[in-house]
N, C-alpha and C. Protein backbone atom coordinates (compact mmCIF):
# COMPACT_ATOMS: atom_id res chain seq x y z
N MET A 1 107.87 84.69 93.32
CA MET A 1 108.07 85.04 91.93
C MET A 1 107.05 86.09 91.52
N SER A 2 107.52 87.12 90.88
CA SER A 2 106.63 88.18 90.38
C SER A 2 105.82 87.68 89.20
N LYS A 3 104.64 88.25 89.07
CA LYS A 3 103.77 87.93 87.93
C LYS A 3 103.55 89.19 87.10
N VAL A 4 103.75 89.06 85.79
CA VAL A 4 103.56 90.18 84.87
C VAL A 4 102.51 89.78 83.86
N LEU A 5 101.58 90.69 83.60
CA LEU A 5 100.55 90.50 82.58
C LEU A 5 100.85 91.45 81.44
N VAL A 6 101.03 90.90 80.25
CA VAL A 6 101.37 91.69 79.07
C VAL A 6 100.17 91.73 78.13
N PHE A 7 99.68 92.94 77.83
CA PHE A 7 98.68 93.13 76.78
C PHE A 7 99.44 93.71 75.60
N GLU A 8 99.54 92.93 74.52
CA GLU A 8 100.29 93.37 73.35
C GLU A 8 99.72 92.72 72.10
N SER A 9 99.31 93.55 71.14
CA SER A 9 98.68 93.03 69.92
C SER A 9 99.68 92.51 68.90
N ASP A 10 100.93 92.91 69.00
CA ASP A 10 101.98 92.48 68.07
C ASP A 10 102.68 91.26 68.65
N LYS A 11 102.46 90.09 68.03
CA LYS A 11 103.01 88.82 68.53
C LYS A 11 104.53 88.87 68.64
N TRP A 12 105.19 89.46 67.67
CA TRP A 12 106.64 89.53 67.68
C TRP A 12 107.12 90.31 68.91
N LEU A 13 106.53 91.45 69.16
CA LEU A 13 106.90 92.25 70.33
C LEU A 13 106.48 91.56 71.62
N ALA A 14 105.34 90.92 71.62
CA ALA A 14 104.90 90.19 72.81
C ALA A 14 105.92 89.12 73.17
N ASP A 15 106.43 88.41 72.18
CA ASP A 15 107.43 87.37 72.43
C ASP A 15 108.68 87.97 73.09
N ILE A 16 109.09 89.14 72.62
CA ILE A 16 110.27 89.80 73.21
C ILE A 16 109.99 90.19 74.66
N LEU A 17 108.84 90.81 74.91
CA LEU A 17 108.49 91.21 76.28
C LEU A 17 108.40 90.00 77.21
N VAL A 18 107.76 88.94 76.75
CA VAL A 18 107.63 87.73 77.56
C VAL A 18 109.02 87.17 77.87
N GLU A 19 109.87 87.12 76.87
CA GLU A 19 111.23 86.60 77.09
C GLU A 19 112.01 87.47 78.08
N GLU A 20 111.94 88.77 77.94
CA GLU A 20 112.67 89.67 78.84
C GLU A 20 112.18 89.53 80.29
N PHE A 21 110.88 89.53 80.48
CA PHE A 21 110.35 89.40 81.84
C PHE A 21 110.65 88.01 82.42
N THR A 22 110.55 86.98 81.59
CA THR A 22 110.85 85.62 82.03
C THR A 22 112.32 85.51 82.44
N ASP A 23 113.20 86.07 81.61
CA ASP A 23 114.63 86.05 81.94
C ASP A 23 114.92 86.79 83.24
N ALA A 24 114.09 87.77 83.58
CA ALA A 24 114.26 88.51 84.82
C ALA A 24 113.64 87.77 86.02
N GLY A 25 113.06 86.60 85.76
CA GLY A 25 112.53 85.78 86.84
C GLY A 25 111.04 85.90 87.09
N ALA A 26 110.31 86.54 86.20
CA ALA A 26 108.87 86.71 86.39
C ALA A 26 108.08 85.62 85.66
N ALA A 27 106.93 85.31 86.19
CA ALA A 27 105.96 84.47 85.49
C ALA A 27 105.12 85.42 84.64
N VAL A 28 104.99 85.14 83.36
CA VAL A 28 104.35 86.08 82.43
C VAL A 28 103.12 85.45 81.79
N THR A 29 102.06 86.23 81.72
CA THR A 29 100.86 85.87 80.97
C THR A 29 100.69 86.91 79.88
N TRP A 30 100.39 86.46 78.67
CA TRP A 30 100.21 87.37 77.54
C TRP A 30 98.79 87.28 77.01
N PHE A 31 98.20 88.45 76.79
CA PHE A 31 96.92 88.57 76.09
C PHE A 31 97.15 89.42 74.86
N GLU A 32 96.69 88.94 73.71
CA GLU A 32 96.78 89.71 72.47
C GLU A 32 95.82 90.90 72.50
N PHE A 33 94.71 90.73 73.20
CA PHE A 33 93.70 91.77 73.36
C PHE A 33 92.95 91.48 74.65
N PRO A 34 92.31 92.48 75.22
CA PRO A 34 91.58 92.26 76.48
C PRO A 34 90.45 91.25 76.33
N PRO A 35 90.35 90.31 77.27
CA PRO A 35 89.24 89.35 77.22
C PRO A 35 87.93 90.03 77.60
N THR A 36 86.84 89.38 77.31
CA THR A 36 85.51 89.94 77.57
C THR A 36 85.32 90.28 79.04
N SER A 37 85.66 89.37 79.92
CA SER A 37 85.55 89.62 81.36
C SER A 37 86.91 90.07 81.87
N LEU A 38 87.30 91.27 81.48
CA LEU A 38 88.64 91.77 81.72
C LEU A 38 89.05 91.76 83.19
N ALA A 39 88.29 92.43 84.04
CA ALA A 39 88.67 92.50 85.45
C ALA A 39 88.69 91.13 86.10
N ASP A 40 87.75 90.26 85.74
CA ASP A 40 87.74 88.90 86.29
C ASP A 40 89.01 88.15 85.89
N ALA A 41 89.40 88.25 84.62
CA ALA A 41 90.59 87.56 84.13
C ALA A 41 91.85 88.09 84.82
N VAL A 42 91.95 89.41 84.94
CA VAL A 42 93.13 90.01 85.57
C VAL A 42 93.17 89.67 87.06
N ALA A 43 92.04 89.75 87.73
CA ALA A 43 91.99 89.43 89.16
C ALA A 43 92.39 87.97 89.40
N ALA A 44 92.01 87.08 88.51
CA ALA A 44 92.36 85.66 88.67
C ALA A 44 93.86 85.45 88.54
N ILE A 45 94.52 86.23 87.71
CA ILE A 45 95.97 86.12 87.53
C ILE A 45 96.70 86.80 88.69
N ALA A 46 96.14 87.89 89.19
CA ALA A 46 96.72 88.69 90.28
C ALA A 46 98.16 89.09 89.97
N PRO A 47 98.38 89.81 88.85
CA PRO A 47 99.75 90.19 88.48
C PRO A 47 100.30 91.28 89.39
N ASP A 48 101.62 91.35 89.43
CA ASP A 48 102.30 92.41 90.17
C ASP A 48 102.52 93.63 89.28
N LEU A 49 102.40 93.44 87.97
CA LEU A 49 102.60 94.50 86.99
C LEU A 49 101.82 94.18 85.73
N ILE A 50 101.26 95.21 85.11
CA ILE A 50 100.58 95.07 83.81
C ILE A 50 101.28 96.00 82.83
N THR A 51 101.62 95.47 81.64
CA THR A 51 102.03 96.34 80.54
C THR A 51 100.87 96.38 79.56
N MET A 52 100.56 97.57 79.06
CA MET A 52 99.37 97.75 78.25
C MET A 52 99.68 98.42 76.92
N ASP A 53 99.32 97.75 75.83
CA ASP A 53 99.33 98.35 74.50
C ASP A 53 98.06 99.19 74.42
N ILE A 54 97.99 100.11 73.48
CA ILE A 54 96.76 100.88 73.32
C ILE A 54 95.94 100.38 72.14
N ILE A 55 96.58 100.16 71.02
CA ILE A 55 95.85 99.76 69.83
C ILE A 55 95.70 98.25 69.82
N MET A 56 94.51 97.80 70.23
CA MET A 56 94.20 96.37 70.25
C MET A 56 92.79 96.17 69.72
N ARG A 57 92.51 94.97 69.34
CA ARG A 57 91.20 94.63 68.81
C ARG A 57 90.16 94.59 69.93
N ASP A 58 88.95 94.93 69.60
CA ASP A 58 87.77 94.88 70.47
C ASP A 58 87.72 95.98 71.55
N MET A 59 88.84 96.22 72.22
CA MET A 59 88.87 97.23 73.28
C MET A 59 90.28 97.83 73.28
N ASP A 60 90.37 99.16 73.26
CA ASP A 60 91.71 99.73 73.27
C ASP A 60 92.26 99.78 74.69
N GLY A 61 93.55 100.05 74.80
CA GLY A 61 94.23 100.05 76.09
C GLY A 61 93.72 101.11 77.04
N PHE A 62 93.26 102.24 76.51
CA PHE A 62 92.68 103.27 77.37
C PHE A 62 91.42 102.74 78.05
N GLN A 63 90.54 102.11 77.26
CA GLN A 63 89.30 101.56 77.82
C GLN A 63 89.62 100.47 78.84
N ALA A 64 90.56 99.60 78.48
CA ALA A 64 90.94 98.50 79.38
C ALA A 64 91.49 99.05 80.70
N THR A 65 92.34 100.05 80.61
CA THR A 65 92.92 100.64 81.81
C THR A 65 91.84 101.29 82.67
N PHE A 66 90.92 102.00 82.04
CA PHE A 66 89.82 102.61 82.79
C PHE A 66 89.06 101.55 83.57
N LEU A 67 88.72 100.44 82.91
CA LEU A 67 87.98 99.37 83.57
C LEU A 67 88.77 98.75 84.71
N LEU A 68 90.06 98.55 84.50
CA LEU A 68 90.89 97.95 85.56
C LEU A 68 91.06 98.89 86.74
N LYS A 69 91.18 100.17 86.49
CA LYS A 69 91.36 101.13 87.57
C LYS A 69 90.06 101.42 88.32
N GLU A 70 88.92 101.07 87.73
CA GLU A 70 87.62 101.25 88.38
C GLU A 70 87.24 100.04 89.24
N ASP A 71 87.88 98.91 89.04
CA ASP A 71 87.52 97.69 89.76
C ASP A 71 88.39 97.56 91.01
N PRO A 72 87.79 97.42 92.18
CA PRO A 72 88.57 97.34 93.42
C PRO A 72 89.58 96.19 93.45
N ARG A 73 89.30 95.13 92.71
CA ARG A 73 90.21 93.97 92.69
C ARG A 73 91.49 94.24 91.90
N THR A 74 91.44 95.20 90.97
CA THR A 74 92.57 95.41 90.06
C THR A 74 93.11 96.84 90.08
N MET A 75 92.46 97.72 90.80
CA MET A 75 92.80 99.15 90.74
C MET A 75 94.20 99.49 91.23
N ASP A 76 94.75 98.70 92.13
CA ASP A 76 96.06 99.02 92.70
C ASP A 76 97.22 98.31 92.01
N ILE A 77 96.94 97.55 90.98
CA ILE A 77 98.02 96.88 90.25
C ILE A 77 98.74 97.91 89.40
N PRO A 78 100.07 98.06 89.58
CA PRO A 78 100.81 99.02 88.75
C PRO A 78 100.68 98.67 87.27
N LEU A 79 100.48 99.69 86.47
CA LEU A 79 100.28 99.52 85.03
C LEU A 79 101.15 100.51 84.28
N VAL A 80 101.82 100.03 83.24
CA VAL A 80 102.60 100.90 82.37
C VAL A 80 102.12 100.71 80.95
N PHE A 81 101.99 101.82 80.24
CA PHE A 81 101.68 101.74 78.82
C PHE A 81 102.97 101.51 78.05
N TYR A 82 102.89 100.63 77.08
CA TYR A 82 103.99 100.36 76.16
C TYR A 82 103.34 100.33 74.79
N THR A 83 103.42 101.45 74.08
CA THR A 83 102.58 101.62 72.89
C THR A 83 103.27 102.43 71.81
N GLY A 84 102.72 102.40 70.63
CA GLY A 84 103.23 103.19 69.52
C GLY A 84 102.66 104.60 69.49
N LEU A 85 101.68 104.89 70.31
CA LEU A 85 101.07 106.21 70.32
C LEU A 85 101.86 107.13 71.25
N GLY A 86 102.49 108.14 70.67
CA GLY A 86 103.35 109.00 71.46
C GLY A 86 102.95 110.46 71.50
N ALA A 87 101.77 110.79 70.98
CA ALA A 87 101.33 112.18 71.03
C ALA A 87 101.13 112.62 72.48
N ARG A 88 101.40 113.87 72.74
CA ARG A 88 101.29 114.41 74.09
C ARG A 88 99.92 114.09 74.72
N GLU A 89 98.85 114.22 73.92
CA GLU A 89 97.50 113.94 74.45
C GLU A 89 97.36 112.49 74.90
N ASP A 90 97.97 111.57 74.13
CA ASP A 90 97.90 110.16 74.50
C ASP A 90 98.64 109.89 75.80
N VAL A 91 99.84 110.45 75.92
CA VAL A 91 100.64 110.28 77.13
C VAL A 91 99.88 110.85 78.33
N GLU A 92 99.36 112.06 78.19
CA GLU A 92 98.61 112.68 79.29
C GLU A 92 97.38 111.87 79.66
N ARG A 93 96.69 111.36 78.66
CA ARG A 93 95.50 110.55 78.93
C ARG A 93 95.87 109.27 79.68
N GLY A 94 96.92 108.60 79.22
CA GLY A 94 97.36 107.36 79.87
C GLY A 94 97.75 107.58 81.33
N LEU A 95 98.50 108.64 81.59
CA LEU A 95 98.91 108.94 82.97
C LEU A 95 97.72 109.35 83.82
N ALA A 96 96.78 110.10 83.22
CA ALA A 96 95.57 110.51 83.94
C ALA A 96 94.71 109.31 84.32
N LEU A 97 94.76 108.26 83.53
CA LEU A 97 93.99 107.05 83.83
C LEU A 97 94.61 106.24 84.97
N GLY A 98 95.83 106.60 85.34
CA GLY A 98 96.46 105.92 86.46
C GLY A 98 97.69 105.11 86.15
N ALA A 99 98.20 105.19 84.92
CA ALA A 99 99.42 104.47 84.57
C ALA A 99 100.60 105.06 85.34
N LYS A 100 101.51 104.20 85.74
CA LYS A 100 102.71 104.64 86.45
C LYS A 100 103.74 105.23 85.49
N GLN A 101 103.79 104.68 84.27
CA GLN A 101 104.72 105.14 83.24
C GLN A 101 104.05 104.98 81.87
N TYR A 102 104.63 105.66 80.90
CA TYR A 102 104.11 105.61 79.52
C TYR A 102 105.33 105.55 78.60
N TYR A 103 105.56 104.40 77.97
CA TYR A 103 106.71 104.21 77.08
C TYR A 103 106.21 104.12 75.64
N VAL A 104 106.91 104.81 74.75
CA VAL A 104 106.57 104.79 73.33
C VAL A 104 107.50 103.80 72.64
N LYS A 105 106.92 102.85 71.91
CA LYS A 105 107.70 101.82 71.22
C LYS A 105 108.61 102.39 70.16
N SER A 106 108.10 103.36 69.41
CA SER A 106 108.85 103.90 68.28
C SER A 106 108.32 105.27 67.93
N ASN A 107 109.16 106.13 67.44
CA ASN A 107 108.72 107.44 66.96
C ASN A 107 108.43 107.42 65.47
N ALA A 108 108.63 106.30 64.83
CA ALA A 108 108.42 106.21 63.38
C ALA A 108 106.98 105.93 63.06
């Protein structure tokens, strides 16, 4: 069974993502915001995929992604951004940090 780790600050959207991945047969863990020991927490879960919001409390998704991609235990886990930030600079920054894809939640 695949494991997916969802970082999403919006509970309503997190519920949708968790339901979709669960329906597809994945075991899903949701974090509203990155925990203090981010790489330790992610390494303990050992997900096959991470979805990352950018605007979160305490640490934004760019910072979290940087930390995960710098840690040998988590650097090779595929990560996709799923966020409301759709400016070209944000997309380029996310992909430069090592994200496999960058999806914008809404253009509104």
